[in-house]
Amino acid sequence: MKQAEPATLDVSREAEVKLRDYLSLLRTWNARINLVANAPEEQLWQRHVLDSWQLLPLLPDGPLADLGSGGGLPGLVIAIGRQQETHLVESDRRKCAFLIEASRALDLSHVCVHPMRIDDAKLPPVRVVTARALAPLKSLLPQAARILGPDGVALFPKGRSVDAELTEAAPHWFMRVERFQSRTDAQSTILRLSEIRPAGA
């Protein structure tokens, strides 16, 4: 897997300190509950933290909902770099405990954790929906469409299956598709989707 060097992404010194604190919490909790695959710190930094951080320039302003937040990737990482209303939706109670503790420890008062299934989450319309390594596009689009406001966008990092997922979703959904090459993994793509609606609507 070809990866970009960490220095290619713009991370201020202040942000890096808080991101390193987050990574320390992630590694501590990971010893007790499975949040991410075990790996050396710098590999986790590149593969997870920077991979999530690179989404920031692609986000419009406004409230954000991160679906299936797990260990806070990308939701908590985004919240560190973006002081705007952030909703983390996660059904696993142990992972929610981590998200709540990490939000408190990192002083992210703009973060709200929702310990429930995505289908059960009652959220106000948001401007942005994110999800990382959660589900195929055909499953993500109905969830995003339900939560997004009229001018909202969905940001979904995808791997090698991106073309197959777009082809599978195309008969059922209309959307404006923008594609961005991942800066941390040459085999990954970031999809920015807008004007999402069921086909024929």
C-alpha atoms as a PDB file:
ATOM      1  CA  MET A   1       0.000   0.000   0.000  1.00  0.00           C
ATOM      2  CA  LYS A   2       1.502   3.273  -1.079  1.00  0.00           C
ATOM      3  CA  GLN A   3       1.094   6.027   1.476  1.00  0.00           C
ATOM      4  CA  ALA A   4       1.768   9.748   1.533  1.00  0.00           C
ATOM      5  CA  GLU A   5       4.203  11.145   4.047  1.00  0.00           C
ATOM      6  CA  PRO A   6       2.489  12.740   7.079  1.00  0.00           C
ATOM      7  CA  ALA A   7       4.079  16.108   6.302  1.00  0.00           C
ATOM      8  CA  THR A   8       2.043  16.358   3.077  1.00  0.00           C
ATOM      9  CA  LEU A   9      -1.083  17.114   5.112  1.00  0.00           C
ATOM     10  CA  ASP A  10      -1.566  20.460   6.799  1.00  0.00           C
ATOM     11  CA  VAL A  11      -1.683  19.806  10.550  1.00  0.00           C
ATOM     12  CA  SER A  12      -0.930  22.722  12.861  1.00  0.00           C
ATOM     13  CA  ARG A  13       1.211  22.142  15.943  1.00  0.00           C
ATOM     14  CA  GLU A  14      -1.786  22.785  18.223  1.00  0.00           C
ATOM     15  CA  ALA A  15      -3.948  20.332  16.291  1.00  0.00           C
ATOM     16  CA  GLU A  16      -1.208  17.703  16.263  1.00  0.00           C
ATOM     17  CA  VAL A  17      -0.936  17.821  20.058  1.00  0.00           C
ATOM     18  CA  LYS A  18      -4.658  17.160  20.423  1.00  0.00           C
ATOM     19  CA  LEU A  19      -4.631  14.493  17.714  1.00  0.00           C
ATOM     20  CA  ARG A  20      -1.733  12.733  19.469  1.00  0.00           C
ATOM     21  CA  ASP A  21      -3.720  12.880  22.720  1.00  0.00           C
ATOM     22  CA  TYR A  22      -6.654  11.293  20.915  1.00  0.00           C
ATOM     23  CA  LEU A  23      -4.396   8.586  19.505  1.00  0.00           C
ATOM     24  CA  SER A  24      -3.036   7.867  22.994  1.00  0.00           C
ATOM     25  CA  LEU A  25      -6.588   7.418  24.299  1.00  0.00           C
ATOM     26  CA  LEU A  26      -7.440   5.215  21.333  1.00  0.00           C
ATOM     27  CA  ARG A  27      -4.471   2.928  21.991  1.00  0.00           C
ATOM     28  CA  THR A  28      -5.250   2.702  25.716  1.00  0.00           C
ATOM     29  CA  TRP A  29      -8.876   1.744  25.144  1.00  0.00           C
ATOM     30  CA  ASN A  30      -7.942  -0.525  22.256  1.00  0.00           C
ATOM     31  CA  ALA A  31      -6.237  -2.822  24.758  1.00  0.00           C
ATOM     32  CA  ARG A  32      -9.663  -3.433  26.326  1.00  0.00           C
ATOM     33  CA  ILE A  33     -12.132  -3.180  23.448  1.00  0.00           C
ATOM     34  CA  ASN A  34     -11.535  -3.635  19.748  1.00  0.00           C
ATOM     35  CA  LEU A  35     -11.579  -0.147  18.211  1.00  0.00           C
ATOM     36  CA  VAL A  36      -8.946  -0.556  15.473  1.00  0.00           C
ATOM     37  CA  ALA A  37      -6.517  -3.277  14.416  1.00  0.00           C
ATOM     38  CA  ASN A  38      -3.363  -3.290  16.533  1.00  0.00           C
ATOM     39  CA  ALA A  39      -0.441  -1.523  14.862  1.00  0.00           C
ATOM     40  CA  PRO A  40       2.536   0.689  15.784  1.00  0.00           C
ATOM     41  CA  GLU A  41       1.648   4.269  16.718  1.00  0.00           C
ATOM     42  CA  GLU A  42       2.956   5.869  13.529  1.00  0.00           C
ATOM     43  CA  GLN A  43       1.057   3.396  11.405  1.00  0.00           C
ATOM     44  CA  LEU A  44      -2.132   4.223  13.296  1.00  0.00           C
ATOM     45  CA  TRP A  45      -1.328   7.930  12.874  1.00  0.00           C
ATOM     46  CA  GLN A  46      -1.031   7.598   9.114  1.00  0.00           C
ATOM     47  CA  ARG A  47      -3.652   4.960   8.404  1.00  0.00           C
ATOM     48  CA  HIS A  48      -6.402   6.293  10.657  1.00  0.00           C
ATOM     49  CA  VAL A  49      -5.754   9.795  11.998  1.00  0.00           C
ATOM     50  CA  LEU A  50      -4.367  11.430   8.865  1.00  0.00           C
ATOM     51  CA  ASP A  51      -6.731   9.437   6.666  1.00  0.00           C
ATOM     52  CA  SER A  52      -9.601  11.067   8.580  1.00  0.00           C
ATOM     53  CA  TRP A  53      -7.951  14.504   8.832  1.00  0.00           C
ATOM     54  CA  GLN A  54      -7.715  14.800   5.051  1.00  0.00           C
ATOM     55  CA  LEU A  55     -11.523  15.096   4.877  1.00  0.00           C
ATOM     56  CA  LEU A  56     -11.529  18.523   6.537  1.00  0.00           C
ATOM     57  CA  PRO A  57     -10.895  20.681   3.421  1.00  0.00           C
ATOM     58  CA  LEU A  58     -13.738  18.886   1.622  1.00  0.00           C
ATOM     59  CA  LEU A  59     -16.369  19.684   4.261  1.00  0.00           C
ATOM     60  CA  PRO A  60     -18.840  22.577   4.015  1.00  0.00           C
ATOM     61  CA  ASP A  61     -19.685  24.509   7.174  1.00  0.00           C
ATOM     62  CA  GLY A  62     -22.557  23.302   9.299  1.00  0.00           C
ATOM     63  CA  PRO A  63     -23.634  20.464  11.598  1.00  0.00           C
ATOM     64  CA  LEU A  64     -22.106  17.054  10.877  1.00  0.00           C
ATOM     65  CA  ALA A  65     -23.275  13.511  11.608  1.00  0.00           C
ATOM     66  CA  ASP A  66     -20.754  10.667  11.592  1.00  0.00           C
ATOM     67  CA  LEU A  67     -22.439   7.287  11.160  1.00  0.00           C
ATOM     68  CA  GLY A  68     -21.017   4.171  12.780  1.00  0.00           C
ATOM     69  CA  SER A  69     -18.358   6.229  14.552  1.00  0.00           C
ATOM     70  CA  GLY A  70     -16.636   3.271  16.222  1.00  0.00           C
ATOM     71  CA  GLY A  71     -13.362   4.604  17.582  1.00  0.00           C
ATOM     72  CA  GLY A  72     -14.092   8.146  16.388  1.00  0.00           C
ATOM     73  CA  LEU A  73     -12.851   7.762  12.833  1.00  0.00           C
ATOM     74  CA  PRO A  74     -13.453  10.100  11.186  1.00  0.00           C
ATOM     75  CA  GLY A  75     -15.908  11.863  13.528  1.00  0.00           C
ATOM     76  CA  LEU A  76     -13.709  12.693  16.517  1.00  0.00           C
ATOM     77  CA  VAL A  77     -10.724  13.540  14.321  1.00  0.00           C
ATOM     78  CA  ILE A  78     -12.888  15.967  12.336  1.00  0.00           C
ATOM     79  CA  ALA A  79     -14.255  17.468  15.564  1.00  0.00           C
ATOM     80  CA  ILE A  80     -10.708  18.251  16.690  1.00  0.00           C
ATOM     81  CA  GLY A  81     -10.142  20.337  13.564  1.00  0.00           C
ATOM     82  CA  ARG A  82     -13.628  21.792  13.217  1.00  0.00           C
ATOM     83  CA  GLN A  83     -15.397  23.546  16.067  1.00  0.00           C
ATOM     84  CA  GLN A  84     -18.911  22.901  14.799  1.00  0.00           C
ATOM     85  CA  GLU A  85     -21.836  20.779  15.960  1.00  0.00           C
ATOM     86  CA  THR A  86     -20.869  17.121  15.558  1.00  0.00           C
ATOM     87  CA  HIS A  87     -23.076  14.071  16.120  1.00  0.00           C
ATOM     88  CA  LEU A  88     -21.472  10.646  16.547  1.00  0.00           C
ATOM     89  CA  VAL A  89     -23.867   7.735  16.021  1.00  0.00           C
ATOM     90  CA  GLU A  90     -22.688   4.344  17.302  1.00  0.00           C
ATOM     91  CA  SER A  91     -24.700   1.299  18.430  1.00  0.00           C
ATOM     92  CA  ASP A  92     -21.929  -0.455  20.407  1.00  0.00           C
ATOM     93  CA  ARG A  93     -22.208   0.759  24.002  1.00  0.00           C
ATOM     94  CA  ARG A  94     -18.539   0.093  24.794  1.00  0.00           C
ATOM     95  CA  LYS A  95     -17.435   2.172  21.823  1.00  0.00           C
ATOM     96  CA  CYS A  96     -19.865   4.892  22.884  1.00  0.00           C
ATOM     97  CA  ALA A  97     -18.212   4.930  26.316  1.00  0.00           C
ATOM     98  CA  PHE A  98     -14.901   5.582  24.581  1.00  0.00           C
ATOM     99  CA  LEU A  99     -16.384   8.331  22.396  1.00  0.00           C
ATOM    100  CA  ILE A 100     -17.909  10.064  25.424  1.00  0.00           C
ATOM    101  CA  GLU A 101     -14.704   9.841  27.455  1.00  0.00           C
ATOM    102  CA  ALA A 102     -12.525  10.992  24.561  1.00  0.00           C
ATOM    103  CA  SER A 103     -14.833  13.944  23.866  1.00  0.00           C
ATOM    104  CA  ARG A 104     -14.630  14.941  27.520  1.00  0.00           C
ATOM    105  CA  ALA A 105     -10.864  14.472  27.807  1.00  0.00           C
ATOM    106  CA  LEU A 106     -10.207  16.436  24.607  1.00  0.00           C
ATOM    107  CA  ASP A 107     -12.629  19.219  25.607  1.00  0.00           C
ATOM    108  CA  LEU A 108     -14.825  18.727  22.540  1.00  0.00           C
ATOM    109  CA  SER A 109     -18.006  20.239  23.946  1.00  0.00           C
ATOM    110  CA  HIS A 110     -19.514  20.524  20.446  1.00  0.00           C
ATOM    111  CA  VAL A 111     -19.662  16.701  20.152  1.00  0.00           C
ATOM    112  CA  CYS A 112     -22.829  14.748  20.975  1.00  0.00           C
ATOM    113  CA  VAL A 113     -22.693  10.929  21.139  1.00  0.00           C
ATOM    114  CA  HIS A 114     -25.821   8.975  20.184  1.00  0.00           C
ATOM    115  CA  PRO A 115     -25.652   5.386  21.570  1.00  0.00           C
ATOM    116  CA  MET A 116     -28.089   3.745  19.156  1.00  0.00           C
ATOM    117  CA  ARG A 117     -28.551   2.187  15.756  1.00  0.00           C
ATOM    118  CA  ILE A 118     -28.397   4.635  12.866  1.00  0.00           C
ATOM    119  CA  ASP A 119     -32.011   3.910  11.892  1.00  0.00           C
ATOM    120  CA  ASP A 120     -33.128   4.869  15.415  1.00  0.00           C
ATOM    121  CA  ALA A 121     -31.187   8.140  15.626  1.00  0.00           C
ATOM    122  CA  LYS A 122     -33.399  11.218  15.734  1.00  0.00           C
ATOM    123  CA  LEU A 123     -31.167  13.998  14.440  1.00  0.00           C
ATOM    124  CA  PRO A 124     -31.967  17.469  13.182  1.00  0.00           C
ATOM    125  CA  PRO A 125     -31.157  17.944   9.476  1.00  0.00           C
ATOM    126  CA  VAL A 126     -27.382  18.226   9.109  1.00  0.00           C
ATOM    127  CA  ARG A 127     -25.164  19.747   6.451  1.00  0.00           C
ATOM    128  CA  VAL A 128     -22.688  16.863   6.310  1.00  0.00           C
ATOM    129  CA  VAL A 129     -22.828  13.082   6.762  1.00  0.00           C
ATOM    130  CA  THR A 130     -19.643  11.044   7.022  1.00  0.00           C
ATOM    131  CA  ALA A 131     -19.018   7.315   7.330  1.00  0.00           C
ATOM    132  CA  ARG A 132     -15.762   5.392   7.079  1.00  0.00           C
ATOM    133  CA  ALA A 133     -15.493   1.636   6.485  1.00  0.00           C
ATOM    134  CA  LEU A 134     -19.127   1.181   7.507  1.00  0.00           C
ATOM    135  CA  ALA A 135     -21.205  -0.219   4.628  1.00  0.00           C
ATOM    136  CA  PRO A 136     -21.590  -0.283   0.841  1.00  0.00           C
ATOM    137  CA  LEU A 137     -22.917   2.840  -0.837  1.00  0.00           C
ATOM    138  CA  LYS A 138     -26.344   1.278  -1.483  1.00  0.00           C
ATOM    139  CA  SER A 139     -26.801   1.001   2.307  1.00  0.00           C
ATOM    140  CA  LEU A 140     -25.303   4.392   3.166  1.00  0.00           C
ATOM    141  CA  LEU A 141     -27.388   6.466   0.749  1.00  0.00           C
ATOM    142  CA  PRO A 142     -30.805   5.884   2.401  1.00  0.00           C
ATOM    143  CA  GLN A 143     -29.297   6.749   5.780  1.00  0.00           C
ATOM    144  CA  ALA A 144     -27.626   9.878   4.448  1.00  0.00           C
ATOM    145  CA  ALA A 145     -30.727  11.021   2.573  1.00  0.00           C
ATOM    146  CA  ARG A 146     -32.817  10.741   5.764  1.00  0.00           C
ATOM    147  CA  ILE A 147     -30.435  12.888   7.807  1.00  0.00           C
ATOM    148  CA  LEU A 148     -29.128  15.459   5.329  1.00  0.00           C
ATOM    149  CA  GLY A 149     -30.669  18.894   4.902  1.00  0.00           C
ATOM    150  CA  PRO A 150     -31.613  20.164   1.416  1.00  0.00           C
ATOM    151  CA  ASP A 151     -28.111  21.417   0.584  1.00  0.00           C
ATOM    152  CA  GLY A 152     -26.253  18.674   2.450  1.00  0.00           C
ATOM    153  CA  VAL A 153     -23.338  16.563   1.283  1.00  0.00           C
ATOM    154  CA  ALA A 154     -22.086  13.102   2.173  1.00  0.00           C
ATOM    155  CA  LEU A 155     -18.386  12.324   2.402  1.00  0.00           C
ATOM    156  CA  PHE A 156     -17.502   8.641   2.143  1.00  0.00           C
ATOM    157  CA  PRO A 157     -13.917   7.319   1.901  1.00  0.00           C
ATOM    158  CA  LYS A 158     -13.930   4.212  -0.289  1.00  0.00           C
ATOM    159  CA  GLY A 159     -11.420   1.581  -1.358  1.00  0.00           C
ATOM    160  CA  ARG A 160     -11.047  -0.501  -4.502  1.00  0.00           C
ATOM    161  CA  SER A 161     -14.775  -1.287  -4.660  1.00  0.00           C
ATOM    162  CA  VAL A 162     -15.771   2.336  -5.318  1.00  0.00           C
ATOM    163  CA  ASP A 163     -16.686   1.870  -8.989  1.00  0.00           C
ATOM    164  CA  ALA A 164     -18.707  -1.276  -8.296  1.00  0.00           C
ATOM    165  CA  GLU A 165     -20.550   0.474  -5.449  1.00  0.00           C
ATOM    166  CA  LEU A 166     -21.407   3.482  -7.644  1.00  0.00           C
ATOM    167  CA  THR A 167     -22.647   1.170 -10.415  1.00  0.00           C
ATOM    168  CA  GLU A 168     -24.780  -0.798  -7.941  1.00  0.00           C
ATOM    169  CA  ALA A 169     -26.359   2.365  -6.496  1.00  0.00           C
ATOM    170  CA  ALA A 170     -26.942   4.160  -9.810  1.00  0.00           C
ATOM    171  CA  PRO A 171     -30.280   2.524 -10.769  1.00  0.00           C
ATOM    172  CA  HIS A 172     -31.798   3.435  -7.410  1.00  0.00           C
ATOM    173  CA  TRP A 173     -30.309   6.819  -6.522  1.00  0.00           C
ATOM    174  CA  PHE A 174     -29.672  10.154  -8.172  1.00  0.00           C
ATOM    175  CA  MET A 175     -26.672  12.075  -6.865  1.00  0.00           C
ATOM    176  CA  ARG A 176     -23.980  14.478  -7.921  1.00  0.00           C
ATOM    177  CA  VAL A 177     -20.670  12.651  -7.568  1.00  0.00           C
ATOM    178  CA  GLU A 178     -17.275  14.225  -6.950  1.00  0.00           C
ATOM    179  CA  ARG A 179     -14.198  12.020  -6.547  1.00  0.00           C
ATOM    180  CA  PHE A 180     -10.985  12.924  -4.750  1.00  0.00           C
ATOM    181  CA  GLN A 181      -7.843  10.812  -4.625  1.00  0.00           C
ATOM    182  CA  SER A 182      -6.924   9.845  -1.074  1.00  0.00           C
ATOM    183  CA  ARG A 183      -3.695  11.471   0.045  1.00  0.00           C
ATOM    184  CA  THR A 184      -2.853   8.633   2.430  1.00  0.00           C
ATOM    185  CA  ASP A 185      -3.654   5.574   0.312  1.00  0.00           C
ATOM    186  CA  ALA A 186      -3.146   5.425  -3.452  1.00  0.00           C
ATOM    187  CA  GLN A 187      -5.845   2.747  -3.751  1.00  0.00           C
ATOM    188  CA  SER A 188      -8.549   4.771  -2.012  1.00  0.00           C
ATOM    189  CA  THR A 189     -10.995   7.432  -3.168  1.00  0.00           C
ATOM    190  CA  ILE A 190     -13.047   9.989  -1.261  1.00  0.00           C
ATOM    191  CA  LEU A 191     -16.582  10.431  -2.588  1.00  0.00           C
ATOM    192  CA  ARG A 192     -18.357  13.747  -2.041  1.00  0.00           C
ATOM    193  CA  LEU A 193     -22.021  13.268  -2.876  1.00  0.00           C
ATOM    194  CA  SER A 194     -24.701  15.935  -3.074  1.00  0.00           C
ATOM    195  CA  GLU A 195     -28.283  16.301  -4.388  1.00  0.00           C
ATOM    196  CA  ILE A 196     -28.961  12.780  -3.091  1.00  0.00           C
ATOM    197  CA  ARG A 197     -32.469  11.504  -3.781  1.00  0.00           C
ATOM    198  CA  PRO A 198     -34.150   8.246  -4.810  1.00  0.00           C
ATOM    199  CA  ALA A 199     -34.258   7.676  -8.547  1.00  0.00           C
ATOM    200  CA  GLY A 200     -37.540   8.924  -9.977  1.00  0.00           C
ATOM    201  CA  ALA A 201     -38.214  11.231  -7.008  1.00  0.00           C
END
